[in-house]
Amino acid sequence: MADTKKYLIPVYGLALMACGNNVRERPNVIYVFPDQFRNCAMGFWADEEYSRYAGWLADPVHTPNLDRFADESLVLSNAVSTCPLSSPYRGMFLTGMYPERNGVTLNCMALRPESTLSPEAVCISDVFAEAGYSCGYIGKLHAETPMKNDPANPGHYVSDRNPEWDAYTPPERRHGFSYWYSYGTFDVHKNPHYWDTEGVRHDPHEFSVKHETDKAIEFLRNENGERDADAPFFLALAYNPPHSPYESPEDCMDEDYGLYRDMTLSELYVRPNADTTLSKAPAARYYFANVTGVDREFGRLLDELERLGLKENTIVVFTSDHGETMCSHGTLDPKNSIYTESFNVPFIIRYPGRIRHRVDPILLSTTDIMPTMLALAGLEDRIPETVEGRNLAPAVLGNGEDCDIPDAALYIRNLDGEKDADGIVHGIFPAARGIKTGRYTMEISITRDLKPERVLIFDDLKDPYQMNCIPYTEEPELFDGLCSVLERKLEEANDVWFREGILEKLMLGPGDTSGNGNR
């Protein structure tokens, strides 16, 4: 990896030196990432230009704005969420580091105090801020353990929930974001709350996606001095929907629910791997309604960007922290799995005049986002030396420059480590590791006594819905080849599985049947 990155040792206080007098010419960056938005939940995948890269059917969703945006952008068909949970994703996106180094190994909540974004980590916003950008964060953060620091009630959590999940982020932990309108995690879509830059709480009593888009538009307009008008900006917009809850019309907007209200389960579920007998099955109506709600508000943001004359010099990304299985594979767990519905995420990027429209199967991992975005903004020389991901900007730009394009993407699944008498979690249990290549997906999971639990291998080309697990004992050459790739990716990441030799200790060979791929 050392030969594919350029490093920076941050020197704070010398923000503009690397940019010279050209800081105003840097592109703006808007990074929009709704929570739990699966890649197949966008209508354009039904079009032949896109569908031939997917191999699966698009969900029956109404997403006209995302469809329009895709037609102007680079659409990645194989972007993945390295550890498909909200908090670990955010830690990796912000730092370009794997969970063990950035500190966010599990979903953050009060019983997991060790899982929190390291205050010492150099985040993407730190780099943009030091390069002269005005940085804003709007929406869900969920990247640090809740602390007893409620601005309105010092010495207490922000609510009386036990255990607490929500959190207030004080200024010293905002990593270069000078404009702040955020919260930790709170799942009431029509009654959200936020803490602003000064720590004042706001309860707007309206659909969170609409309210956050309103705040983002205020930021773009600079209505109240949200940013330096003479500087480029970096804005992260983190919607919570279509994340759960999605159980009733109270969880979405009526105008969006009306599009799906009368659809039968067979009309809603086009993926043949979905089990519509599960109790969760009716949730698709509300989930898709929130997908459409996100699409509408994203469209408003794009329209305002164009109205203000900012479109041509603004990089816009639409992505998500992880997907949603929605009854596929018979599981009720929407995330934290290597199944395509969970692991594969949208990644659509528009940079007019620089990134040409196309679909590309680049295997983009979460750790690659930070260095790639910085390089696209012309800040390649400022990529921190702590970054573990790859700068894929040359591949994104498609400009013919050399780029070490990944041949595989690493998958990580962690569970709680040991719990003490008070239920406090210490450490992690590295329950599974896996990879995705251009054709195959493989996961190896273990029991807590470090025995093989299962091996999943799917041929994503012949079996795009991952319905036919290949028994590894029947394809030893394939399995050995995939294990070699996995071992290399684990070593690149300096993962606990590599450091402790877990894969080697499992001794999964052709004669072993303990992990034969049966579910």
Protein backbone atom coordinates (compact mmCIF):
# COMPACT_ATOMS: atom_id res chain seq x y z
CA MET A 1 0.00 0.00 0.00
CA ALA A 2 2.84 2.44 0.71
CA ASP A 3 3.52 2.98 -2.97
CA THR A 4 -0.09 3.88 -3.79
CA LYS A 5 -0.56 6.72 -1.30
CA LYS A 6 0.82 10.16 -0.71
CA TYR A 7 1.13 11.12 2.89
CA LEU A 8 0.63 14.18 5.02
CA ILE A 9 1.74 14.88 8.53
CA PRO A 10 -0.86 17.55 9.42
CA VAL A 11 0.56 20.92 10.38
CA TYR A 12 -2.29 22.86 11.91
CA GLY A 13 -2.27 26.62 11.56
CA LEU A 14 -0.69 26.46 8.09
CA ALA A 15 -3.99 25.73 6.41
CA LEU A 16 -3.63 27.61 3.17
CA MET A 17 0.01 26.97 2.35
CA ALA A 18 -0.55 23.81 0.28
CA CYS A 19 -3.32 25.52 -1.66
CA GLY A 20 -1.41 28.73 -2.29
CA ASN A 21 -3.79 31.42 -3.49
CA ASN A 22 -6.13 28.96 -5.21
CA VAL A 23 -8.28 27.87 -2.28
CA ARG A 24 -11.34 29.60 -3.78
CA GLU A 25 -10.92 27.52 -6.95
CA ARG A 26 -11.19 24.23 -5.09
CA PRO A 27 -14.44 22.34 -5.76
CA ASN A 28 -17.16 22.25 -3.15
CA VAL A 29 -18.06 18.78 -1.86
CA ILE A 30 -21.47 17.53 -0.75
CA TYR A 31 -21.61 14.02 0.70
CA VAL A 32 -25.16 12.69 1.16
CA PHE A 33 -25.58 9.36 2.94
CA PRO A 34 -28.99 8.18 4.12
CA ASP A 35 -28.93 5.27 6.53
CA GLN A 36 -29.78 1.72 5.43
CA PHE A 37 -30.43 2.62 1.78
CA ARG A 38 -29.80 -0.50 -0.29
CA ASN A 39 -28.34 -0.25 -3.76
CA CYS A 40 -31.16 -2.01 -5.56
CA ALA A 41 -33.70 0.52 -4.20
CA MET A 42 -33.22 2.94 -7.10
CA GLY A 43 -35.35 2.89 -10.21
CA PHE A 44 -32.59 3.45 -12.77
CA TRP A 45 -31.25 -0.08 -12.20
CA ALA A 46 -34.21 -1.27 -14.28
CA ASP A 47 -32.79 0.47 -17.36
CA GLU A 48 -30.63 -1.65 -19.67
CA GLU A 49 -27.63 0.69 -19.39
CA TYR A 50 -27.45 -0.09 -15.68
CA SER A 51 -29.08 -3.50 -15.30
CA ARG A 52 -26.40 -5.32 -17.27
CA TYR A 53 -23.92 -4.39 -14.55
CA ALA A 54 -26.17 -5.56 -11.74
CA GLY A 55 -27.55 -8.94 -12.75
CA TRP A 56 -30.53 -8.45 -10.44
CA LEU A 57 -33.88 -6.69 -10.68
CA ALA A 58 -34.37 -3.19 -9.32
CA ASP A 59 -36.85 -2.73 -6.50
CA PRO A 60 -40.19 -1.28 -7.68
CA VAL A 61 -39.39 2.17 -6.30
CA HIS A 62 -40.14 5.71 -7.44
CA THR A 63 -36.82 7.61 -7.53
CA PRO A 64 -36.96 10.16 -10.38
CA ASN A 65 -34.33 12.48 -8.90
CA LEU A 66 -31.79 9.75 -8.26
CA ASP A 67 -32.48 8.44 -11.76
CA ARG A 68 -31.72 11.87 -13.19
CA PHE A 69 -28.64 12.22 -11.01
CA ALA A 70 -27.33 8.81 -12.12
CA ASP A 71 -27.59 9.86 -15.75
CA GLU A 72 -25.18 12.73 -15.01
CA SER A 73 -22.79 10.77 -12.80
CA LEU A 74 -20.43 7.87 -12.33
CA VAL A 75 -22.41 4.97 -10.87
CA LEU A 76 -20.40 2.31 -9.05
CA SER A 77 -22.05 -1.10 -9.17
CA ASN A 78 -19.70 -2.80 -6.68
CA ALA A 79 -19.23 -0.30 -3.87
CA VAL A 80 -19.40 -2.05 -0.50
CA SER A 81 -19.75 -1.20 3.18
CA THR A 82 -16.67 -2.85 4.70
CA CYS A 83 -18.37 -3.35 8.08
CA PRO A 84 -22.07 -2.85 7.28
CA LEU A 85 -23.22 -1.14 10.46
CA SER A 86 -23.92 2.56 11.02
CA SER A 87 -21.15 3.44 13.46
CA PRO A 88 -18.25 1.44 12.01
CA TYR A 89 -19.06 2.79 8.56
CA ARG A 90 -18.96 6.37 9.84
CA GLY A 91 -15.66 5.81 11.57
CA MET A 92 -14.13 4.49 8.35
CA PHE A 93 -15.66 7.16 6.13
CA LEU A 94 -14.40 9.95 8.39
CA THR A 95 -10.87 8.59 8.93
CA GLY A 96 -10.00 6.22 6.07
CA MET A 97 -8.91 3.77 8.78
CA TYR A 98 -10.24 0.33 9.69
CA PRO A 99 -12.34 0.04 12.87
CA GLU A 100 -9.54 -1.20 15.12
CA ARG A 101 -7.51 1.94 14.42
CA ASN A 102 -10.23 4.62 14.32
CA GLY A 103 -11.87 3.32 17.49
CA VAL A 104 -15.38 2.60 16.17
CA THR A 105 -15.61 -1.20 16.18
CA LEU A 106 -19.31 -1.66 17.04
CA ASN A 107 -22.49 0.42 16.94
CA CYS A 108 -21.99 3.15 19.53
CA MET A 109 -24.09 3.15 22.71
CA ALA A 110 -23.54 3.58 26.45
CA LEU A 111 -22.78 -0.09 27.14
CA ARG A 112 -19.98 -0.01 24.55
CA PRO A 113 -17.82 2.87 25.82
CA GLU A 114 -14.74 1.52 24.04
CA SER A 115 -16.39 1.90 20.62
CA THR A 116 -16.02 5.60 19.90
CA LEU A 117 -14.31 7.80 17.34
CA SER A 118 -10.80 8.57 18.52
CA PRO A 119 -10.37 12.29 19.31
CA GLU A 120 -6.83 11.99 17.92
CA ALA A 121 -7.96 10.62 14.55
CA VAL A 122 -7.39 12.88 11.57
CA CYS A 123 -10.78 13.01 9.82
CA ILE A 124 -11.70 14.05 6.32
CA SER A 125 -13.24 17.22 7.78
CA ASP A 126 -10.00 18.04 9.62
CA VAL A 127 -8.14 17.93 6.31
CA PHE A 128 -10.73 19.99 4.45
CA ALA A 129 -10.81 22.56 7.25
CA GLU A 130 -7.02 22.86 7.31
CA ALA A 131 -7.12 23.35 3.53
CA GLY A 132 -9.37 26.38 3.97
CA TYR A 133 -12.79 24.77 3.54
CA SER A 134 -15.90 25.63 5.53
CA CYS A 135 -17.16 22.29 6.86
CA GLY A 136 -20.72 21.48 7.89
CA TYR A 137 -22.37 18.38 9.33
CA ILE A 138 -26.14 17.90 9.29
CA GLY A 139 -28.04 14.87 10.59
CA LYS A 140 -27.12 11.59 12.24
CA LEU A 141 -23.57 11.13 13.52
CA HIS A 142 -23.64 7.93 15.61
CA ALA A 143 -19.85 7.70 15.78
CA GLU A 144 -19.10 8.10 19.48
CA THR A 145 -20.18 6.68 22.80
CA PRO A 146 -22.89 8.70 24.61
CA MET A 147 -21.47 10.83 27.39
CA LYS A 148 -23.11 12.55 30.35
CA ASN A 149 -22.75 15.94 28.72
CA ASP A 150 -26.26 17.18 27.93
CA PRO A 151 -25.80 20.95 27.43
CA ALA A 152 -29.18 21.60 29.06
CA ASN A 153 -28.58 19.19 31.94
CA PRO A 154 -24.84 18.86 32.67
CA GLY A 155 -23.74 15.57 34.19
CA HIS A 156 -26.54 13.62 32.51
CA TYR A 157 -27.12 11.79 29.26
CA VAL A 158 -29.29 13.56 26.70
CA SER A 159 -32.26 11.36 27.66
CA ASP A 160 -33.26 8.85 30.31
CA ARG A 161 -33.08 5.93 27.93
CA ASN A 162 -31.31 2.95 29.49
CA PRO A 163 -29.01 2.07 27.87
CA GLU A 164 -28.50 5.38 26.10
CA TRP A 165 -27.86 5.47 22.36
CA ASP A 166 -28.26 9.14 21.53
CA ALA A 167 -25.41 11.60 22.04
CA TYR A 168 -24.42 15.25 21.98
CA THR A 169 -21.09 16.03 20.34
CA PRO A 170 -19.21 18.92 22.01
CA PRO A 171 -17.18 21.35 19.86
CA GLU A 172 -13.82 19.77 20.73
CA ARG A 173 -14.95 16.45 19.18
CA ARG A 174 -16.31 17.82 15.89
CA HIS A 175 -13.13 17.33 13.86
CA GLY A 176 -13.07 20.53 11.85
CA PHE A 177 -16.82 20.89 11.29
CA SER A 178 -17.48 24.56 12.07
CA TYR A 179 -21.21 24.33 11.28
CA TRP A 180 -23.04 21.71 13.32
CA TYR A 181 -26.68 20.54 13.29
CA SER A 182 -26.61 16.97 14.45
CA TYR A 183 -27.43 14.25 16.99
CA GLY A 184 -26.15 10.79 17.86
CA THR A 185 -28.92 8.39 16.92
CA PHE A 186 -32.68 8.76 17.39
CA ASP A 187 -35.24 6.85 15.37
CA VAL A 188 -38.45 8.91 15.28
CA HIS A 189 -38.61 10.15 11.72
CA LYS A 190 -41.35 12.76 12.17
CA ASN A 191 -40.15 14.09 15.52
CA PRO A 192 -36.36 14.46 15.25
CA HIS A 193 -34.09 16.63 17.36
CA TYR A 194 -30.71 18.26 16.84
CA TRP A 195 -28.03 20.24 18.63
CA ASP A 196 -26.70 23.23 16.74
CA THR A 197 -23.22 24.74 16.63
CA GLU A 198 -23.76 26.46 19.98
CA GLY A 199 -25.21 23.36 21.67
CA VAL A 200 -28.83 24.53 21.57
CA ARG A 201 -31.38 21.77 21.06
CA HIS A 202 -33.99 22.03 18.29
CA ASP A 203 -37.22 19.98 17.99
CA PRO A 204 -38.75 20.87 14.61
CA HIS A 205 -41.67 18.34 14.67
CA GLU A 206 -41.44 17.51 10.96
CA PHE A 207 -40.09 14.79 8.68
CA SER A 208 -36.38 14.65 9.41
CA VAL A 209 -35.29 14.37 5.77
CA LYS A 210 -37.21 17.50 4.81
CA HIS A 211 -35.93 19.44 7.80
CA GLU A 212 -32.32 18.45 7.20
CA THR A 213 -32.61 19.37 3.54
CA ASP A 214 -33.98 22.77 4.57
CA LYS A 215 -30.92 23.24 6.79
CA ALA A 216 -28.62 22.10 3.97
CA ILE A 217 -30.22 24.64 1.62
CA GLU A 218 -29.71 27.35 4.26
CA PHE A 219 -26.05 26.29 4.34
CA LEU A 220 -25.78 26.53 0.55
CA ARG A 221 -27.43 29.96 0.55
CA ASN A 222 -25.38 31.00 3.57
CA GLU A 223 -28.54 32.58 4.94
CA ASN A 224 -27.24 33.06 8.48
CA GLY A 225 -23.49 33.02 7.98
CA GLU A 226 -23.31 29.23 8.17
CA ARG A 227 -20.04 29.25 6.21
CA ASP A 228 -17.31 31.49 4.89
CA ALA A 229 -18.68 32.85 1.63
CA ASP A 230 -15.15 33.25 0.25
CA ALA A 231 -14.14 29.63 0.86
CA PRO A 232 -15.13 26.32 -0.72
CA PHE A 233 -17.28 24.08 1.44
CA PHE A 234 -17.56 20.46 2.50
CA LEU A 235 -21.04 19.44 3.62
CA ALA A 236 -21.92 16.02 5.04
CA LEU A 237 -25.66 15.35 5.04
CA ALA A 238 -26.61 12.22 6.98
CA TYR A 239 -30.30 11.35 6.67
CA ASN A 240 -31.70 8.67 8.99
CA PRO A 241 -34.55 7.28 6.78
CA PRO A 242 -35.01 4.78 5.25
CA HIS A 243 -33.53 3.26 8.44
CA SER A 244 -36.10 1.63 10.72
CA PRO A 245 -38.72 2.18 12.01
CA TYR A 246 -40.78 1.27 8.99
CA GLU A 247 -43.85 -0.27 10.60
CA SER A 248 -46.74 2.10 9.92
CA PRO A 249 -47.75 5.23 7.99
CA GLU A 250 -46.50 7.19 11.01
CA ASP A 251 -42.96 6.33 9.94
CA CYS A 252 -43.13 8.00 6.52
CA MET A 253 -44.86 10.73 4.55
CA ASP A 254 -48.41 10.07 3.31
CA GLU A 255 -47.62 11.24 -0.21
CA ASP A 256 -44.87 8.63 -0.45
CA TYR A 257 -46.75 5.82 1.25
CA GLY A 258 -49.61 6.29 -1.23
CA LEU A 259 -47.38 5.04 -4.03
CA TYR A 260 -46.98 1.63 -2.37
CA ARG A 261 -50.06 1.27 -0.15
CA ASP A 262 -52.01 -0.99 -2.50
CA MET A 263 -49.13 -3.07 -3.83
CA THR A 264 -49.23 -6.77 -3.03
CA LEU A 265 -46.27 -8.55 -1.49
CA SER A 266 -45.55 -10.24 -4.80
CA GLU A 267 -45.41 -6.81 -6.45
CA LEU A 268 -43.21 -5.34 -3.72
CA TYR A 269 -40.74 -8.22 -3.61
CA VAL A 270 -39.09 -8.88 -6.97
CA ARG A 271 -36.04 -10.65 -5.55
CA PRO A 272 -36.61 -14.42 -5.60
CA ASN A 273 -34.55 -14.84 -2.42
CA ALA A 274 -37.08 -12.90 -0.32
CA ASP A 275 -39.24 -14.79 2.18
CA THR A 276 -42.54 -12.91 2.20
CA THR A 277 -43.93 -15.13 4.96
CA LEU A 278 -41.73 -13.31 7.48
CA SER A 279 -43.48 -10.94 9.86
CA LYS A 280 -41.37 -8.11 8.49
CA ALA A 281 -42.72 -8.45 4.93
CA PRO A 282 -45.29 -5.58 5.06
CA ALA A 283 -42.46 -3.23 6.07
CA ALA A 284 -41.40 -2.94 2.42
CA ARG A 285 -44.23 -0.45 1.81
CA TYR A 286 -42.92 1.94 4.46
CA TYR A 287 -39.28 1.34 3.59
CA PHE A 288 -39.88 2.13 -0.08
CA ALA A 289 -41.95 5.16 0.94
CA ASN A 290 -38.96 6.56 2.80
CA VAL A 291 -36.72 5.76 -0.16
CA THR A 292 -39.00 7.97 -2.23
CA GLY A 293 -39.00 10.62 0.50
CA VAL A 294 -35.21 10.70 0.46
CA ASP A 295 -35.26 10.93 -3.34
CA ARG A 296 -37.60 13.93 -3.29
CA GLU A 297 -35.51 15.86 -0.78
CA PHE A 298 -32.25 14.98 -2.55
CA GLY A 299 -33.84 16.40 -5.69
CA ARG A 300 -34.61 19.64 -3.87
CA LEU A 301 -30.96 19.86 -2.83
CA LEU A 302 -29.76 19.33 -6.39
CA ASP A 303 -32.19 21.90 -7.75
CA GLU A 304 -31.02 24.51 -5.24
CA LEU A 305 -27.39 23.80 -6.05
CA GLU A 306 -28.12 24.51 -9.72
CA ARG A 307 -30.24 27.58 -8.95
CA LEU A 308 -27.36 29.09 -6.97
CA GLY A 309 -24.93 28.48 -9.82
CA LEU A 310 -22.90 26.00 -7.77
CA LYS A 311 -23.50 22.84 -9.77
CA GLU A 312 -20.48 23.02 -12.07
CA ASN A 313 -17.91 23.35 -9.28
CA THR A 314 -19.42 20.98 -6.74
CA ILE A 315 -18.68 17.28 -6.29
CA VAL A 316 -21.86 15.54 -5.12
CA VAL A 317 -21.90 12.00 -3.75
CA PHE A 318 -24.97 9.92 -2.92
CA THR A 319 -24.25 6.75 -0.95
CA SER A 320 -25.24 4.90 2.23
CA ASP A 321 -23.64 3.36 5.30
CA HIS A 322 -25.08 -0.10 4.56
CA GLY A 323 -28.02 -1.77 2.88
CA GLU A 324 -31.19 -3.54 4.00
CA THR A 325 -31.93 -7.24 3.51
CA MET A 326 -35.73 -6.75 3.68
CA CYS A 327 -36.65 -10.45 4.03
CA SER A 328 -33.97 -11.75 1.68
CA HIS A 329 -32.22 -14.95 2.82
CA GLY A 330 -34.89 -15.48 5.47
CA THR A 331 -33.18 -13.15 7.93
CA LEU A 332 -34.79 -10.43 10.02
CA ASP A 333 -31.44 -8.69 10.48
CA PRO A 334 -31.37 -5.86 7.94
CA LYS A 335 -27.59 -5.37 8.03
CA ASN A 336 -24.27 -6.68 9.39
CA SER A 337 -24.06 -9.44 6.80
CA ILE A 338 -22.14 -10.08 3.60
CA TYR A 339 -25.30 -10.67 1.58
CA THR A 340 -25.52 -8.28 -1.37
CA GLU A 341 -28.61 -6.55 0.00
CA SER A 342 -26.61 -5.51 3.09
CA PHE A 343 -23.00 -5.30 1.85
CA ASN A 344 -23.48 -3.58 -1.54
CA VAL A 345 -24.27 0.14 -1.25
CA PRO A 346 -25.08 2.94 -3.66
CA PHE A 347 -22.18 5.13 -4.67
CA ILE A 348 -23.03 7.77 -7.26
CA ILE A 349 -20.67 10.70 -7.81
CA ARG A 350 -21.11 13.76 -10.02
CA TYR A 351 -18.38 16.26 -10.88
CA PRO A 352 -19.38 18.12 -14.06
CA GLY A 353 -16.64 18.34 -16.64
CA ARG A 354 -14.30 16.08 -14.67
CA ILE A 355 -16.08 12.75 -14.10
CA ARG A 356 -17.81 11.36 -17.16
CA HIS A 357 -21.11 9.53 -16.92
CA ARG A 358 -20.77 5.77 -16.89
CA VAL A 359 -21.32 2.63 -14.82
CA ASP A 360 -18.16 1.09 -13.39
CA PRO A 361 -17.62 -2.11 -11.35
CA ILE A 362 -14.76 -0.62 -9.27
CA LEU A 363 -14.62 -2.39 -5.90
CA LEU A 364 -14.76 0.67 -3.68
CA SER A 365 -14.45 -0.07 0.06
CA THR A 366 -15.40 2.29 2.88
CA THR A 367 -11.78 3.04 3.79
CA ASP A 368 -11.16 4.19 0.21
CA ILE A 369 -13.70 7.01 0.40
CA MET A 370 -11.68 9.55 2.41
CA PRO A 371 -8.47 9.47 0.34
CA THR A 372 -10.43 9.34 -2.92
CA MET A 373 -12.59 12.35 -2.03
CA LEU A 374 -9.61 14.39 -0.87
CA ALA A 375 -7.73 13.62 -4.08
CA LEU A 376 -10.74 14.53 -6.24
CA ALA A 377 -10.78 17.91 -4.49
CA GLY A 378 -7.12 18.43 -5.37
CA LEU A 379 -5.84 17.62 -1.88
CA GLU A 380 -3.98 14.42 -2.69
CA ASP A 381 -0.82 15.73 -1.02
CA ARG A 382 -2.78 16.18 2.21
CA ILE A 383 -4.01 12.61 2.55
CA PRO A 384 -3.02 11.68 6.14
CA GLU A 385 -0.38 9.04 6.66
CA THR A 386 -2.83 7.29 8.98
CA VAL A 387 -5.15 6.43 6.07
CA GLU A 388 -5.40 2.70 5.30
CA GLY A 389 -7.64 2.91 2.25
CA ARG A 390 -6.68 3.52 -1.37
CA ASN A 391 -6.86 6.70 -3.36
CA LEU A 392 -9.03 5.62 -6.29
CA ALA A 393 -9.41 9.10 -7.77
CA PRO A 394 -7.59 8.22 -11.02
CA ALA A 395 -10.01 5.34 -11.58
CA VAL A 396 -13.00 7.54 -10.73
CA LEU A 397 -11.81 10.26 -13.08
CA GLY A 398 -11.00 7.69 -15.75
CA ASN A 399 -8.15 9.89 -16.94
CA GLY A 400 -5.71 7.15 -17.84
CA GLU A 401 -3.42 7.70 -14.87
CA ASP A 402 -2.08 4.63 -13.11
CA CYS A 403 -4.19 3.47 -10.21
CA ASP A 404 -3.91 0.32 -8.11
CA ILE A 405 -7.51 -0.81 -8.58
CA PRO A 406 -8.56 -3.36 -5.93
CA ASP A 407 -9.22 -6.92 -7.03
CA ALA A 408 -11.20 -7.63 -3.85
CA ALA A 409 -12.96 -5.91 -0.97
CA LEU A 410 -12.67 -6.97 2.66
CA TYR A 411 -15.75 -7.74 4.80
CA ILE A 412 -15.74 -7.38 8.59
CA ARG A 413 -18.37 -8.51 11.12
CA ASN A 414 -17.72 -7.86 14.80
CA LEU A 415 -19.88 -8.71 17.80
CA ASP A 416 -19.69 -7.68 21.44
CA GLY A 417 -16.65 -8.88 23.34
CA GLU A 418 -16.73 -9.86 27.00
CA LYS A 419 -19.25 -8.17 29.30
CA ASP A 420 -18.56 -7.29 32.92
CA ALA A 421 -21.01 -7.55 35.81
CA ASP A 422 -22.58 -4.22 34.85
CA GLY A 423 -23.13 -5.30 31.25
CA ILE A 424 -20.33 -3.08 29.94
CA VAL A 425 -18.78 -4.48 26.76
CA HIS A 426 -15.00 -4.82 26.61
CA GLY A 427 -13.32 -5.53 23.31
CA ILE A 428 -14.84 -7.23 20.29
CA PHE A 429 -15.45 -10.74 19.08
CA PRO A 430 -14.37 -10.88 15.39
CA ALA A 431 -17.23 -13.15 14.35
CA ALA A 432 -16.64 -13.24 10.60
CA ARG A 433 -14.39 -12.07 7.82
CA GLY A 434 -14.90 -12.32 4.10
CA ILE A 435 -14.20 -10.89 0.69
CA LYS A 436 -15.91 -9.89 -2.50
CA THR A 437 -14.07 -10.21 -5.79
CA GLY A 438 -15.33 -9.26 -9.20
CA ARG A 439 -17.20 -12.56 -9.36
CA TYR A 440 -17.32 -14.29 -5.96
CA THR A 441 -18.43 -13.52 -2.43
CA MET A 442 -17.06 -15.54 0.50
CA GLU A 443 -17.64 -15.32 4.25
CA ILE A 444 -16.06 -17.45 6.97
CA SER A 445 -17.66 -17.18 10.41
CA ILE A 446 -16.47 -18.65 13.70
CA THR A 447 -17.84 -19.60 17.09
CA ARG A 448 -16.60 -17.91 20.24
CA ASP A 449 -14.31 -20.84 20.93
CA LEU A 450 -12.71 -20.18 17.53
CA LYS A 451 -14.23 -23.11 15.68
CA PRO A 452 -15.58 -22.90 12.13
CA GLU A 453 -19.27 -21.99 12.14
CA ARG A 454 -20.03 -21.72 8.44
CA VAL A 455 -18.50 -20.96 5.08
CA LEU A 456 -20.53 -19.11 2.47
CA ILE A 457 -19.36 -18.95 -1.13
CA PHE A 458 -21.49 -17.46 -3.90
CA ASP A 459 -20.88 -17.08 -7.60
CA ASP A 460 -22.36 -13.60 -8.02
CA LEU A 461 -22.19 -13.84 -11.81
CA LYS A 462 -24.24 -17.04 -12.13
CA ASP A 463 -26.16 -16.58 -8.89
CA PRO A 464 -26.76 -12.83 -8.36
CA TYR A 465 -29.35 -13.44 -5.64
CA GLN A 466 -26.94 -15.68 -3.72
CA MET A 467 -29.41 -18.55 -3.42
CA ASN A 468 -26.97 -21.40 -4.03
CA CYS A 469 -24.12 -21.63 -1.57
CA ILE A 470 -21.13 -23.48 -3.05
CA PRO A 471 -19.85 -26.11 -0.56
CA TYR A 472 -16.20 -25.29 -0.17
CA THR A 473 -15.26 -28.97 0.13
CA GLU A 474 -16.58 -29.55 -3.39
CA GLU A 475 -14.56 -26.70 -4.93
CA PRO A 476 -11.18 -26.87 -3.16
CA GLU A 477 -9.27 -24.90 -5.80
CA LEU A 478 -11.82 -22.09 -5.73
CA PHE A 479 -11.83 -22.09 -1.93
CA ASP A 480 -8.05 -22.07 -1.67
CA GLY A 481 -7.82 -19.20 -4.12
CA LEU A 482 -10.40 -17.15 -2.24
CA CYS A 483 -8.67 -17.88 1.07
CA SER A 484 -5.40 -16.61 -0.38
CA VAL A 485 -7.09 -13.38 -1.39
CA LEU A 486 -8.74 -13.10 2.03
CA GLU A 487 -5.42 -13.65 3.80
CA ARG A 488 -3.84 -10.90 1.72
CA LYS A 489 -6.66 -8.46 2.48
CA LEU A 490 -6.48 -9.28 6.19
CA GLU A 491 -2.76 -8.59 6.14
CA GLU A 492 -3.26 -5.29 4.30
CA ALA A 493 -5.74 -4.26 7.00
CA ASN A 494 -3.57 -5.62 9.83
CA ASP A 495 -6.82 -7.20 10.99
CA VAL A 496 -7.12 -9.23 14.20
CA TRP A 497 -7.73 -12.33 12.08
CA PHE A 498 -4.33 -11.80 10.51
CA ARG A 499 -2.51 -10.85 13.70
CA GLU A 500 -3.85 -13.88 15.58
CA GLY A 501 -3.65 -16.30 12.64
CA ILE A 502 -7.34 -17.18 12.93
CA LEU A 503 -7.82 -18.24 9.34
CA GLU A 504 -4.85 -20.60 9.54
CA LYS A 505 -5.99 -22.04 12.88
CA LEU A 506 -9.38 -23.00 11.44
CA MET A 507 -7.69 -25.65 9.29
CA LEU A 508 -10.47 -25.65 6.75
CA GLY A 509 -9.34 -28.20 4.22
CA PRO A 510 -11.01 -30.48 1.70
CA GLY A 511 -11.43 -33.22 4.30
CA ASP A 512 -13.08 -30.99 6.91
CA THR A 513 -16.88 -30.82 7.00
CA SER A 514 -17.43 -28.58 10.01
CA GLY A 515 -17.97 -25.49 7.87
CA ASN A 516 -19.43 -26.99 4.73
CA GLY A 517 -21.50 -24.01 3.70
CA ASN A 518 -24.83 -25.18 5.11
CA ARG A 519 -26.80 -22.38 6.68
